[in-house]
Amino acid sequence: MEGRGLELARTIVDILEDKKGEEIVLLDLTGICSFADFFVICTGVSERTIRALADEVRQKVKAATGDLPRGMEGKAENGWVLLDYGVVIVHLFSADLRDYYRLEDLWHEGQMLLRMP
């Protein structure tokens, strides 16, 4: 399952990068987090961008793997959207909320596999 989770996480990172997501981070939380093995964290510059990033991830992951998110939380207009793919959780934030929640600091025990500007 870990190999499949990492593959899915990398696919999501590629989708976000292609759609101009900013400050993309991939954290390996295997053995640290009880509900997911990987977090993908990304900043969107506007409500519209966050919505577009979430839509693109849902559409392209479904096309590539057939997977749909198990759940979605938050709203782009509130500055945060979470897509739950089971082993991979995608966090899409406005810059202000990302600074506020500081997930990379909260989950500092995890291994940072990727950090993109």
Protein backbone atom coordinates (compact mmCIF):
# COMPACT_ATOMS: atom_id res chain seq x y z
CA MET A 1 0.00 0.00 0.00
CA GLU A 2 2.85 2.42 0.76
CA GLY A 3 4.15 2.17 -2.82
CA ARG A 4 0.69 2.91 -4.20
CA GLY A 5 0.27 5.80 -1.75
CA LEU A 6 3.58 7.35 -2.73
CA GLU A 7 2.72 6.94 -6.42
CA LEU A 8 -0.64 8.65 -5.87
CA ALA A 9 0.99 11.45 -3.86
CA ARG A 10 3.54 12.08 -6.62
CA THR A 11 0.75 12.11 -9.23
CA ILE A 12 -1.07 14.74 -7.18
CA VAL A 13 2.11 16.82 -6.82
CA ASP A 14 2.55 16.74 -10.62
CA ILE A 15 -1.07 17.82 -11.15
CA LEU A 16 -0.68 20.72 -8.71
CA GLU A 17 2.58 21.80 -10.27
CA ASP A 18 1.08 21.75 -13.77
CA LYS A 19 -1.89 23.85 -12.54
CA LYS A 20 0.47 26.45 -10.98
CA GLY A 21 0.03 25.53 -7.34
CA GLU A 22 2.63 27.20 -5.12
CA GLU A 23 4.86 26.05 -2.26
CA ILE A 24 4.03 22.37 -2.81
CA VAL A 25 5.20 20.05 -0.04
CA LEU A 26 5.05 16.25 0.13
CA LEU A 27 5.34 14.81 3.64
CA ASP A 28 5.82 11.12 4.40
CA LEU A 29 3.95 10.41 7.63
CA THR A 30 4.18 6.62 7.45
CA GLY A 31 4.15 5.24 11.00
CA ILE A 32 3.55 8.71 12.48
CA CYS A 33 0.00 9.52 11.42
CA SER A 34 -2.83 7.05 12.11
CA PHE A 35 -5.13 8.20 9.30
CA ALA A 36 -2.82 8.80 6.31
CA ASP A 37 0.68 8.00 5.08
CA PHE A 38 1.24 11.15 3.02
CA PHE A 39 0.22 14.80 3.09
CA VAL A 40 0.41 16.97 0.00
CA ILE A 41 0.24 20.64 0.98
CA CYS A 42 -0.16 23.43 -1.56
CA THR A 43 -0.89 27.17 -1.58
CA GLY A 44 -3.31 28.80 -3.98
CA VAL A 45 -3.03 32.54 -4.59
CA SER A 46 -6.80 33.11 -4.64
CA GLU A 47 -10.16 31.51 -3.97
CA ARG A 48 -10.47 30.84 -7.68
CA THR A 49 -7.05 29.17 -7.79
CA ILE A 50 -7.81 26.94 -4.80
CA ARG A 51 -11.08 25.84 -6.42
CA ALA A 52 -9.31 25.17 -9.74
CA LEU A 53 -6.58 23.16 -8.00
CA ALA A 54 -9.14 21.01 -6.16
CA ASP A 55 -11.16 20.42 -9.34
CA GLU A 56 -8.05 19.53 -11.33
CA VAL A 57 -6.83 17.04 -8.72
CA ARG A 58 -10.24 15.34 -8.55
CA GLN A 59 -10.58 15.11 -12.34
CA LYS A 60 -7.04 14.04 -13.17
CA VAL A 61 -6.68 11.52 -10.33
CA LYS A 62 -9.98 9.94 -11.40
CA ALA A 63 -8.79 9.79 -15.02
CA ALA A 64 -5.38 8.35 -14.06
CA THR A 65 -6.38 5.91 -11.32
CA GLY A 66 -10.16 5.74 -11.15
CA ASP A 67 -9.98 7.00 -7.56
CA LEU A 68 -12.32 9.64 -6.19
CA PRO A 69 -11.68 11.35 -2.87
CA ARG A 70 -13.26 9.54 0.07
CA GLY A 71 -14.22 12.93 1.39
CA MET A 72 -13.83 16.65 0.93
CA GLU A 73 -13.77 19.31 3.61
CA GLY A 74 -13.61 23.08 3.55
CA LYS A 75 -14.41 25.58 0.84
CA ALA A 76 -12.21 27.58 -1.48
CA GLU A 77 -13.92 30.81 -0.38
CA ASN A 78 -12.82 30.06 3.19
CA GLY A 79 -9.20 29.53 2.12
CA TRP A 80 -8.87 25.80 2.71
CA VAL A 81 -9.91 22.62 0.90
CA LEU A 82 -9.01 19.09 1.97
CA LEU A 83 -9.25 16.09 -0.35
CA ASP A 84 -9.06 12.72 1.42
CA TYR A 85 -7.73 9.89 -0.73
CA GLY A 86 -7.21 7.55 2.22
CA VAL A 87 -3.45 7.11 2.32
CA VAL A 88 -2.97 10.60 0.83
CA ILE A 89 -4.52 13.78 2.22
CA VAL A 90 -4.34 16.89 0.04
CA HIS A 91 -4.43 20.29 1.78
CA LEU A 92 -5.02 23.34 -0.43
CA PHE A 93 -4.61 26.60 1.47
CA SER A 94 -4.65 30.34 1.03
CA ALA A 95 -1.29 31.81 2.09
CA ASP A 96 -2.79 33.28 5.29
CA LEU A 97 -4.37 30.02 6.45
CA ARG A 98 -1.28 28.02 5.57
CA ASP A 99 0.78 30.34 7.74
CA TYR A 100 -1.82 30.05 10.50
CA TYR A 101 -2.08 26.25 10.56
CA ARG A 102 1.61 25.53 9.82
CA LEU A 103 1.05 21.85 9.06
CA GLU A 104 4.70 21.31 8.14
CA ASP A 105 5.65 22.39 11.68
CA LEU A 106 2.85 20.42 13.32
CA TRP A 107 3.92 17.23 11.49
CA HIS A 108 7.69 17.94 11.70
CA GLU A 109 8.39 14.32 12.66
CA GLY A 110 7.46 13.28 9.14
CA GLN A 111 10.00 13.11 6.35
CA MET A 112 9.80 15.92 3.81
CA LEU A 113 10.11 14.17 0.46
CA LEU A 114 9.63 17.28 -1.65
CA ARG A 115 9.45 21.05 -1.27
CA MET A 116 8.79 23.17 -4.33
CA PRO A 117 8.76 26.97 -4.38
